[in-house]
N, C-alpha and C. Protein backbone atom coordinates (compact mmCIF):
# COMPACT_ATOMS: atom_id res chain seq x y z
N UNK A 1 14.34 -23.52 11.37
CA UNK A 1 14.88 -23.18 9.82
C UNK A 1 14.97 -24.18 8.94
N UNK A 2 14.51 -23.71 7.56
CA UNK A 2 14.58 -24.51 6.43
C UNK A 2 16.10 -25.38 6.56
N UNK A 3 16.49 -26.62 6.32
CA UNK A 3 17.22 -27.31 5.82
C UNK A 3 17.77 -27.16 4.36
N UNK A 4 19.24 -27.29 4.22
CA UNK A 4 19.85 -27.42 2.85
C UNK A 4 19.36 -28.60 2.32
N UNK A 5 19.04 -29.11 1.00
CA UNK A 5 18.54 -29.97 0.40
C UNK A 5 16.88 -30.29 0.57
N UNK A 6 16.02 -29.46 1.34
CA UNK A 6 14.92 -29.45 1.60
C UNK A 6 14.27 -28.87 0.57
N UNK A 7 12.85 -29.34 -0.30
CA UNK A 7 12.05 -28.28 -0.76
C UNK A 7 11.40 -27.25 -0.12
N UNK A 8 11.22 -26.12 -0.40
CA UNK A 8 10.87 -25.07 0.22
C UNK A 8 9.38 -25.16 -0.16
N UNK A 9 8.61 -24.98 0.87
CA UNK A 9 7.13 -24.80 0.57
C UNK A 9 6.73 -23.58 -0.19
N UNK A 10 5.71 -23.89 -1.13
CA UNK A 10 5.07 -22.65 -1.81
C UNK A 10 4.74 -21.58 -0.91
N UNK A 11 5.21 -20.39 -1.41
CA UNK A 11 4.55 -19.31 -0.62
C UNK A 11 4.26 -18.06 -1.46
N UNK A 12 3.43 -16.88 -0.97
CA UNK A 12 3.13 -15.87 -1.61
C UNK A 12 2.99 -14.90 -1.03
N UNK A 13 3.57 -13.75 -1.29
CA UNK A 13 3.89 -12.50 -0.70
C UNK A 13 3.58 -11.33 -1.50
N UNK A 14 2.68 -10.42 -0.75
CA UNK A 14 2.46 -8.78 -1.53
C UNK A 14 3.81 -8.30 -1.80
N UNK A 15 3.98 -7.54 -2.86
CA UNK A 15 5.06 -6.77 -2.95
C UNK A 15 4.59 -5.26 -3.13
N UNK A 16 5.71 -4.83 -2.98
CA UNK A 16 5.81 -3.20 -3.80
C UNK A 16 5.17 -2.78 -5.01
N UNK A 17 5.57 -3.91 -5.73
CA UNK A 17 4.85 -3.57 -7.28
C UNK A 17 3.45 -4.09 -7.67
N UNK A 18 2.71 -3.96 -6.23
CA UNK A 18 0.96 -4.14 -6.33
C UNK A 18 0.91 -5.49 -6.96
N UNK A 19 1.73 -6.49 -6.98
CA UNK A 19 1.45 -8.17 -7.39
C UNK A 19 1.84 -8.83 -6.09
N UNK A 20 1.60 -10.26 -6.19
CA UNK A 20 2.25 -11.14 -5.45
C UNK A 20 3.34 -11.91 -5.72
N UNK A 21 4.45 -12.20 -5.06
CA UNK A 21 5.32 -12.97 -5.48
C UNK A 21 5.17 -14.23 -5.30
N UNK A 22 4.90 -15.27 -6.02
CA UNK A 22 4.61 -16.78 -5.52
C UNK A 22 5.59 -17.47 -6.15
N UNK A 23 6.16 -18.22 -4.99
CA UNK A 23 7.58 -19.06 -5.61
C UNK A 23 7.38 -20.22 -6.59
N UNK A 24 6.24 -20.85 -6.64
CA UNK A 24 6.03 -21.76 -7.62
C UNK A 24 5.75 -21.16 -9.09
N UNK A 25 5.81 -19.75 -9.03
CA UNK A 25 5.91 -19.23 -10.37
C UNK A 25 7.18 -19.06 -11.18
N UNK A 26 8.34 -19.58 -10.13
CA UNK A 26 9.45 -19.41 -10.56
C UNK A 26 10.44 -20.50 -10.59
N UNK A 27 9.62 -21.58 -10.83
CA UNK A 27 10.38 -22.94 -10.96
C UNK A 27 10.86 -22.72 -12.47
N UNK A 28 12.56 -23.08 -12.42
CA UNK A 28 13.20 -23.20 -13.55
C UNK A 28 14.22 -21.94 -13.36
N UNK A 29 14.13 -21.36 -12.57
CA UNK A 29 15.18 -20.36 -12.17
C UNK A 29 15.69 -20.43 -10.49
N UNK A 30 16.67 -20.10 -10.34
CA UNK A 30 17.37 -20.18 -9.03
C UNK A 30 16.40 -18.73 -8.46
N UNK A 31 16.09 -18.83 -7.08
CA UNK A 31 15.34 -17.95 -6.28
C UNK A 31 16.29 -17.52 -5.10
N UNK A 32 16.66 -16.41 -5.22
CA UNK A 32 17.22 -15.78 -3.96
C UNK A 32 16.43 -14.95 -2.94
N UNK A 33 16.03 -15.52 -1.73
CA UNK A 33 15.15 -14.90 -0.98
C UNK A 33 16.03 -14.13 0.38
N UNK A 34 15.94 -12.96 0.40
CA UNK A 34 16.96 -12.84 1.43
C UNK A 34 15.98 -11.61 2.41
N UNK A 35 16.02 -12.06 3.84
CA UNK A 35 15.26 -11.34 4.64
C UNK A 35 16.16 -10.15 5.44
N UNK A 36 15.29 -8.93 5.79
CA UNK A 36 16.33 -7.87 5.97
C UNK A 36 15.12 -7.13 7.19
N UNK A 37 15.88 -6.50 8.35
CA UNK A 37 14.90 -6.17 9.28
C UNK A 37 14.02 -5.05 9.06
N UNK A 38 14.34 -4.06 8.28
CA UNK A 38 13.83 -2.83 8.25
C UNK A 38 13.90 -1.94 7.08
N UNK A 39 13.13 -1.31 6.12
CA UNK A 39 13.32 -0.34 5.25
C UNK A 39 14.12 0.77 5.75
N UNK A 40 14.97 1.24 5.26
CA UNK A 40 15.62 2.67 5.24
C UNK A 40 16.53 2.55 6.55
N UNK A 41 17.23 1.58 6.92
CA UNK A 41 18.29 1.50 7.79
C UNK A 41 19.62 1.38 7.33
N UNK A 42 20.61 1.84 7.81
CA UNK A 42 21.67 1.76 7.25
C UNK A 42 22.12 0.36 6.63
N UNK A 43 22.11 -0.60 7.38
CA UNK A 43 22.52 -1.98 6.90
C UNK A 43 21.69 -2.57 5.88
N UNK A 44 20.51 -2.40 6.19
CA UNK A 44 19.31 -2.72 5.20
C UNK A 44 19.45 -2.13 3.74
N UNK A 45 19.84 -0.71 3.84
CA UNK A 45 19.78 -0.01 2.69
C UNK A 45 21.02 -0.22 1.90
N UNK A 46 22.30 -0.42 2.57
CA UNK A 46 23.39 -1.06 1.95
C UNK A 46 23.21 -2.35 1.31
N UNK A 47 22.62 -3.09 1.79
CA UNK A 47 22.18 -4.47 1.41
C UNK A 47 21.49 -4.36 -0.17
N UNK A 48 20.53 -3.76 0.27
CA UNK A 48 19.22 -3.58 -1.12
C UNK A 48 20.30 -2.91 -2.07
N UNK A 49 21.01 -1.67 -1.93
CA UNK A 49 21.66 -1.11 -3.02
C UNK A 49 22.89 -2.09 -3.50
N UNK A 50 23.72 -2.73 -2.82
CA UNK A 50 24.34 -4.07 -3.33
C UNK A 50 23.83 -5.09 -4.18
N UNK A 51 22.47 -5.43 -4.06
CA UNK A 51 21.80 -6.01 -4.95
C UNK A 51 21.46 -5.37 -5.78
N UNK A 52 20.76 -4.23 -5.64
CA UNK A 52 20.42 -3.62 -6.90
C UNK A 52 21.61 -3.29 -7.93
N UNK A 53 22.95 -2.97 -7.64
CA UNK A 53 24.08 -2.74 -8.38
C UNK A 53 24.54 -4.19 -9.07
N UNK A 54 24.07 -5.35 -8.53
CA UNK A 54 24.39 -6.71 -8.85
C UNK A 54 23.27 -7.24 -9.75
N UNK A 55 22.14 -6.73 -10.06
CA UNK A 55 20.95 -7.24 -10.72
C UNK A 55 21.23 -7.94 -12.12
N UNK A 56 22.06 -7.29 -12.81
CA UNK A 56 22.45 -7.71 -14.28
C UNK A 56 23.25 -8.94 -14.07
N UNK A 57 24.08 -9.34 -13.02
CA UNK A 57 24.61 -10.62 -12.65
C UNK A 57 23.57 -11.89 -12.33
N UNK A 58 22.86 -11.03 -11.51
CA UNK A 58 21.66 -12.36 -11.45
C UNK A 58 20.93 -12.61 -12.22
N UNK A 59 20.62 -11.90 -13.38
CA UNK A 59 19.71 -12.14 -14.41
C UNK A 59 20.32 -12.69 -15.19
N UNK A 60 21.86 -12.62 -15.45
CA UNK A 60 22.55 -13.53 -16.24
C UNK A 60 22.68 -15.00 -15.74
N UNK A 61 22.60 -15.04 -14.59
CA UNK A 61 22.75 -16.47 -13.73
C UNK A 61 21.17 -17.00 -13.67
N UNK A 62 20.27 -16.32 -14.34
CA UNK A 62 19.02 -17.19 -14.37
C UNK A 62 18.17 -16.74 -12.69
N UNK A 63 18.33 -16.05 -11.93
CA UNK A 63 18.02 -16.13 -10.60
C UNK A 63 17.05 -14.72 -10.29
N UNK A 64 15.91 -15.09 -9.93
CA UNK A 64 15.23 -13.91 -9.48
C UNK A 64 15.42 -13.77 -8.05
N UNK A 65 15.37 -12.43 -7.47
CA UNK A 65 15.67 -11.96 -6.41
C UNK A 65 14.52 -11.40 -5.62
N UNK A 66 14.40 -11.70 -4.32
CA UNK A 66 13.12 -10.83 -3.62
C UNK A 66 13.63 -10.60 -2.11
N UNK A 67 13.61 -9.30 -1.77
CA UNK A 67 13.74 -8.98 -0.32
C UNK A 67 12.32 -8.96 0.40
N UNK A 68 12.71 -9.15 1.66
CA UNK A 68 11.58 -9.47 2.45
C UNK A 68 11.73 -9.07 3.80
N UNK A 69 10.51 -8.22 4.46
CA UNK A 69 10.77 -7.60 5.87
C UNK A 69 9.38 -7.55 6.27
N UNK A 70 9.37 -7.27 7.57
CA UNK A 70 7.66 -7.18 8.03
C UNK A 70 7.10 -5.65 7.82
N UNK A 71 7.97 -4.67 6.84
CA UNK A 71 7.25 -3.42 6.82
C UNK A 71 6.07 -3.62 5.70
N UNK A 72 5.60 -2.68 5.61
CA UNK A 72 4.47 -2.65 4.71
C UNK A 72 4.68 -2.55 3.24
N UNK A 73 3.56 -2.75 2.37
CA UNK A 73 4.02 -2.28 1.05
C UNK A 73 4.14 -0.76 0.59
N UNK A 74 3.61 -0.20 1.17
CA UNK A 74 3.88 1.35 1.24
C UNK A 74 5.27 1.94 1.79
N UNK A 75 5.72 1.16 2.96
CA UNK A 75 6.88 1.64 3.20
C UNK A 75 8.01 0.89 1.99
N UNK A 76 7.76 -0.14 1.58
CA UNK A 76 8.59 -0.74 0.63
C UNK A 76 8.56 0.34 -0.83
N UNK A 77 7.53 0.49 -1.14
CA UNK A 77 7.33 1.33 -2.26
C UNK A 77 8.14 2.73 -2.31
N UNK A 78 8.06 3.32 -0.89
CA UNK A 78 9.07 4.58 -0.72
C UNK A 78 10.49 4.07 -0.63
N UNK A 79 10.76 3.07 -0.22
CA UNK A 79 12.06 2.57 0.27
C UNK A 79 12.80 2.24 -1.40
N UNK A 80 11.91 1.44 -2.27
CA UNK A 80 12.27 1.09 -3.47
C UNK A 80 12.50 2.39 -4.30
N UNK A 81 11.51 3.30 -4.29
CA UNK A 81 11.55 4.52 -5.10
C UNK A 81 13.09 5.30 -4.73
N UNK A 82 13.12 5.49 -3.63
CA UNK A 82 14.35 6.30 -2.78
C UNK A 82 15.43 5.82 -3.42
N UNK A 83 15.86 4.42 -3.52
CA UNK A 83 17.15 3.84 -3.77
C UNK A 83 17.00 3.37 -5.18
N UNK A 84 16.04 3.45 -5.90
CA UNK A 84 15.58 2.92 -7.30
C UNK A 84 16.22 1.33 -7.49
N UNK A 85 15.58 0.76 -6.51
CA UNK A 85 15.86 -0.78 -6.54
C UNK A 85 15.18 -1.76 -7.55
N UNK A 86 15.59 -2.39 -8.20
CA UNK A 86 15.42 -3.01 -9.24
C UNK A 86 14.78 -4.32 -9.25
N UNK A 87 14.27 -4.83 -8.29
CA UNK A 87 13.69 -6.00 -7.62
C UNK A 87 12.62 -5.77 -6.47
N UNK A 88 11.88 -6.81 -6.70
CA UNK A 88 10.30 -6.95 -5.61
C UNK A 88 10.97 -6.80 -4.14
N UNK A 89 10.02 -6.23 -3.32
CA UNK A 89 10.25 -6.24 -1.98
C UNK A 89 8.96 -7.03 -1.66
N UNK A 90 9.01 -7.96 -0.72
CA UNK A 90 7.98 -8.79 -0.30
C UNK A 90 7.32 -8.32 1.41
N UNK A 91 6.22 -7.60 1.33
CA UNK A 91 5.73 -7.27 2.82
C UNK A 91 5.15 -8.19 3.66
N UNK A 92 5.95 -8.72 4.50
CA UNK A 92 5.64 -9.90 5.33
C UNK A 92 5.02 -9.19 6.63
N UNK A 93 3.84 -8.36 6.78
CA UNK A 93 3.25 -7.96 7.82
C UNK A 93 3.08 -8.72 9.06
N UNK A 94 2.45 -9.70 8.46
CA UNK A 94 1.94 -11.10 9.27
C UNK A 94 2.92 -12.10 10.06
N UNK A 95 4.02 -12.17 9.26
CA UNK A 95 5.20 -12.82 9.68
C UNK A 95 5.33 -14.15 9.36
N UNK A 96 4.25 -14.39 8.71
CA UNK A 96 3.86 -15.77 8.06
C UNK A 96 5.31 -16.47 7.46
N UNK A 97 5.60 -15.62 6.23
CA UNK A 97 6.59 -16.06 5.57
C UNK A 97 8.14 -16.11 6.37
N UNK A 98 8.12 -15.12 7.27
CA UNK A 98 9.26 -14.93 8.07
C UNK A 98 9.49 -16.32 9.02
N UNK A 99 8.21 -16.78 9.36
CA UNK A 99 8.22 -17.77 10.30
C UNK A 99 8.41 -19.23 9.58
N UNK A 100 8.01 -19.06 8.56
CA UNK A 100 8.21 -20.28 7.36
C UNK A 100 9.83 -20.94 7.50
N UNK A 101 10.57 -19.57 7.24
CA UNK A 101 11.88 -19.78 6.80
C UNK A 101 12.65 -19.70 8.19
N UNK A 102 12.03 -19.53 9.19
CA UNK A 102 12.61 -19.46 10.71
C UNK A 102 13.60 -18.19 11.01
N UNK A 103 13.07 -17.30 10.39
CA UNK A 103 14.20 -15.99 10.52
C UNK A 103 13.42 -14.94 11.57
N UNK A 104 12.17 -15.10 12.41
CA UNK A 104 11.84 -14.41 13.27
C UNK A 104 12.40 -15.23 14.51
N UNK A 105 13.12 -14.15 15.02
CA UNK A 105 13.66 -15.01 16.31
C UNK A 105 14.05 -13.75 17.41
N UNK A 106 14.18 -14.11 18.56
CA UNK A 106 14.48 -13.16 19.75
C UNK A 106 15.74 -12.64 19.32
N UNK A 107 16.00 -11.37 19.41
CA UNK A 107 17.22 -10.81 19.63
C UNK A 107 17.79 -9.78 20.84
N UNK A 108 18.71 -9.36 20.81
CA UNK A 108 18.61 -8.29 21.82
C UNK A 108 19.52 -7.25 21.55
N UNK A 109 19.60 -5.86 22.07
CA UNK A 109 20.13 -4.85 21.85
C UNK A 109 20.14 -4.02 23.17
N UNK A 110 21.54 -3.78 23.95
CA UNK A 110 21.59 -3.17 24.74
C UNK A 110 20.90 -3.70 26.01
N UNK A 111 21.01 -5.02 26.22
CA UNK A 111 20.26 -5.77 27.07
C UNK A 111 18.59 -5.85 26.88
N UNK A 112 18.30 -5.43 25.78
CA UNK A 112 16.79 -5.42 25.79
C UNK A 112 16.33 -6.56 25.09
N UNK A 113 15.62 -7.22 25.22
CA UNK A 113 15.09 -8.42 24.19
C UNK A 113 14.12 -8.06 23.48
N UNK A 114 13.99 -8.49 22.29
CA UNK A 114 12.93 -8.21 21.55
C UNK A 114 12.71 -9.31 20.18
N UNK A 115 11.32 -9.29 19.62
CA UNK A 115 11.57 -10.27 18.52
C UNK A 115 11.83 -9.51 17.19
N UNK A 116 12.47 -10.23 16.06
CA UNK A 116 12.74 -9.31 15.06
C UNK A 116 13.09 -10.27 13.95
N UNK A 117 13.36 -9.92 12.61
CA UNK A 117 13.78 -10.76 11.62
C UNK A 117 15.50 -10.78 11.66
N UNK A 118 16.12 -11.98 11.78
CA UNK A 118 17.52 -12.06 11.91
C UNK A 118 17.92 -11.81 10.17
N UNK A 119 18.73 -11.01 9.89
CA UNK A 119 19.06 -10.92 8.61
C UNK A 119 19.50 -12.21 7.86
N UNK A 120 19.02 -12.66 6.97
CA UNK A 120 19.21 -14.05 6.37
C UNK A 120 19.15 -14.30 4.87
N UNK A 121 19.63 -14.86 4.23
CA UNK A 121 19.77 -15.23 2.55
C UNK A 121 19.47 -16.47 2.52
N UNK A 122 18.44 -16.94 1.54
CA UNK A 122 18.32 -18.27 1.04
C UNK A 122 18.30 -18.42 -0.29
N UNK A 123 19.12 -19.25 -0.80
CA UNK A 123 19.33 -19.88 -2.29
C UNK A 123 18.70 -20.85 -2.68
N UNK A 124 17.51 -20.81 -3.70
CA UNK A 124 16.98 -22.21 -3.85
C UNK A 124 17.29 -22.52 -5.57
N UNK A 125 17.38 -23.55 -5.81
CA UNK A 125 17.83 -24.18 -7.08
C UNK A 125 16.74 -24.05 -7.75
N UNK A 126 16.75 -24.41 -9.21
CA UNK A 126 15.60 -24.39 -10.27
C UNK A 126 14.11 -25.22 -9.77
N UNK A 127 14.43 -25.95 -9.09
CA UNK A 127 13.32 -26.88 -8.52
C UNK A 127 12.55 -26.47 -7.39
N UNK A 128 13.12 -25.13 -6.72
CA UNK A 128 12.73 -24.67 -5.51
C UNK A 128 13.37 -25.61 -4.36
N UNK A 129 14.29 -25.87 -4.14
CA UNK A 129 15.06 -27.06 -3.17
C UNK A 129 16.23 -25.89 -2.45
N UNK A 130 16.02 -26.08 -1.29
CA UNK A 130 17.27 -24.85 -0.76
C UNK A 130 18.59 -25.49 -1.07
N UNK A 131 19.27 -24.73 -1.71
CA UNK A 131 20.81 -24.88 -1.89
C UNK A 131 21.75 -24.12 -0.95
N UNK A 132 21.73 -23.04 -0.59
CA UNK A 132 22.49 -22.66 0.62
C UNK A 132 21.62 -21.44 1.40
N UNK A 133 22.30 -21.55 2.55
CA UNK A 133 21.58 -20.31 3.71
C UNK A 133 22.80 -19.70 4.18
N UNK A 134 22.77 -18.21 4.12
CA UNK A 134 23.56 -17.65 4.84
C UNK A 134 23.02 -16.80 6.19
N UNK A 135 23.19 -17.58 7.20
CA UNK A 135 22.42 -17.06 8.35
C UNK A 135 23.36 -15.70 9.19
N UNK A 136 22.43 -14.80 10.06
CA UNK A 136 23.02 -13.91 10.42
C UNK A 136 24.13 -13.16 9.37
N UNK A 137 23.46 -12.36 8.32
CA UNK A 137 24.21 -12.25 7.31
C UNK A 137 24.91 -10.86 7.81
N UNK A 138 26.34 -10.81 7.34
CA UNK A 138 27.24 -9.18 7.49
C UNK A 138 27.06 -8.85 6.04
N UNK A 139 26.66 -7.57 6.11
CA UNK A 139 26.57 -6.79 4.60
C UNK A 139 27.49 -6.79 3.80
N UNK A 140 28.62 -6.71 4.28
CA UNK A 140 29.63 -6.39 3.53
C UNK A 140 30.55 -7.54 2.90
N UNK A 141 30.38 -7.45 1.47
CA UNK A 141 30.53 -8.60 0.39
C UNK A 141 29.74 -9.87 0.36
N UNK A 142 28.43 -9.47 1.09
CA UNK A 142 27.62 -10.65 1.04
C UNK A 142 27.11 -10.95 -0.48
N UNK A 143 26.69 -10.13 -1.27
CA UNK A 143 26.30 -10.24 -2.70
C UNK A 143 27.36 -10.96 -3.47
N UNK A 144 28.66 -10.79 -3.22
CA UNK A 144 29.50 -11.30 -4.04
C UNK A 144 29.82 -13.06 -3.46
N UNK A 145 29.48 -13.20 -2.20
CA UNK A 145 29.53 -14.55 -1.74
C UNK A 145 28.30 -15.44 -2.40
N UNK A 146 27.22 -14.73 -2.66
CA UNK A 146 25.99 -15.07 -3.28
C UNK A 146 26.13 -15.42 -4.80
N UNK A 147 26.83 -14.46 -5.33
CA UNK A 147 27.21 -14.90 -6.66
C UNK A 147 28.06 -16.09 -6.92
N UNK A 148 29.19 -16.08 -6.05
CA UNK A 148 30.01 -17.26 -6.05
C UNK A 148 29.20 -18.48 -6.03
N UNK A 149 28.10 -18.26 -4.92
CA UNK A 149 27.48 -19.82 -4.97
C UNK A 149 26.62 -19.93 -6.08
N UNK A 150 26.19 -19.19 -7.06
CA UNK A 150 25.22 -19.17 -7.92
C UNK A 150 26.19 -19.84 -9.17
N UNK A 151 27.46 -19.41 -9.07
CA UNK A 151 28.49 -19.93 -10.11
C UNK A 151 29.01 -21.41 -10.03
N UNK A 152 28.75 -21.84 -8.81
CA UNK A 152 29.29 -23.40 -8.50
C UNK A 152 28.34 -24.41 -9.16
């Protein structure tokens, strides 16, 4: 996983907006990169909707937001439309960006082991340096924690 105070390598990822999100194009802004396991699941939907409801605050704080999962662009488009999300969703189908950030890990459920994205949020400063990491995010109050960190 990337370390705090480390420059985040530039990356490019296809989004639901039929464009690419390129990290280096956001210099001069904070960037919030949040990884989530899957579109249309309860926790992921709650988290996305919480970010949607707080986008005005993120905009005021000069912070771009992108959600990333391994779902396809098509899946992201449906998810975004269904919940009227107002920020891009990155489709990391190859797992390249998830691996870069170190969130593709072994998980277990009901004693079954499998690999998947561990819900994690990364806050980058205006220079692309990692400012804060929230590992194994609990969705409740998470967006408020992020906004507090941005205000510091």
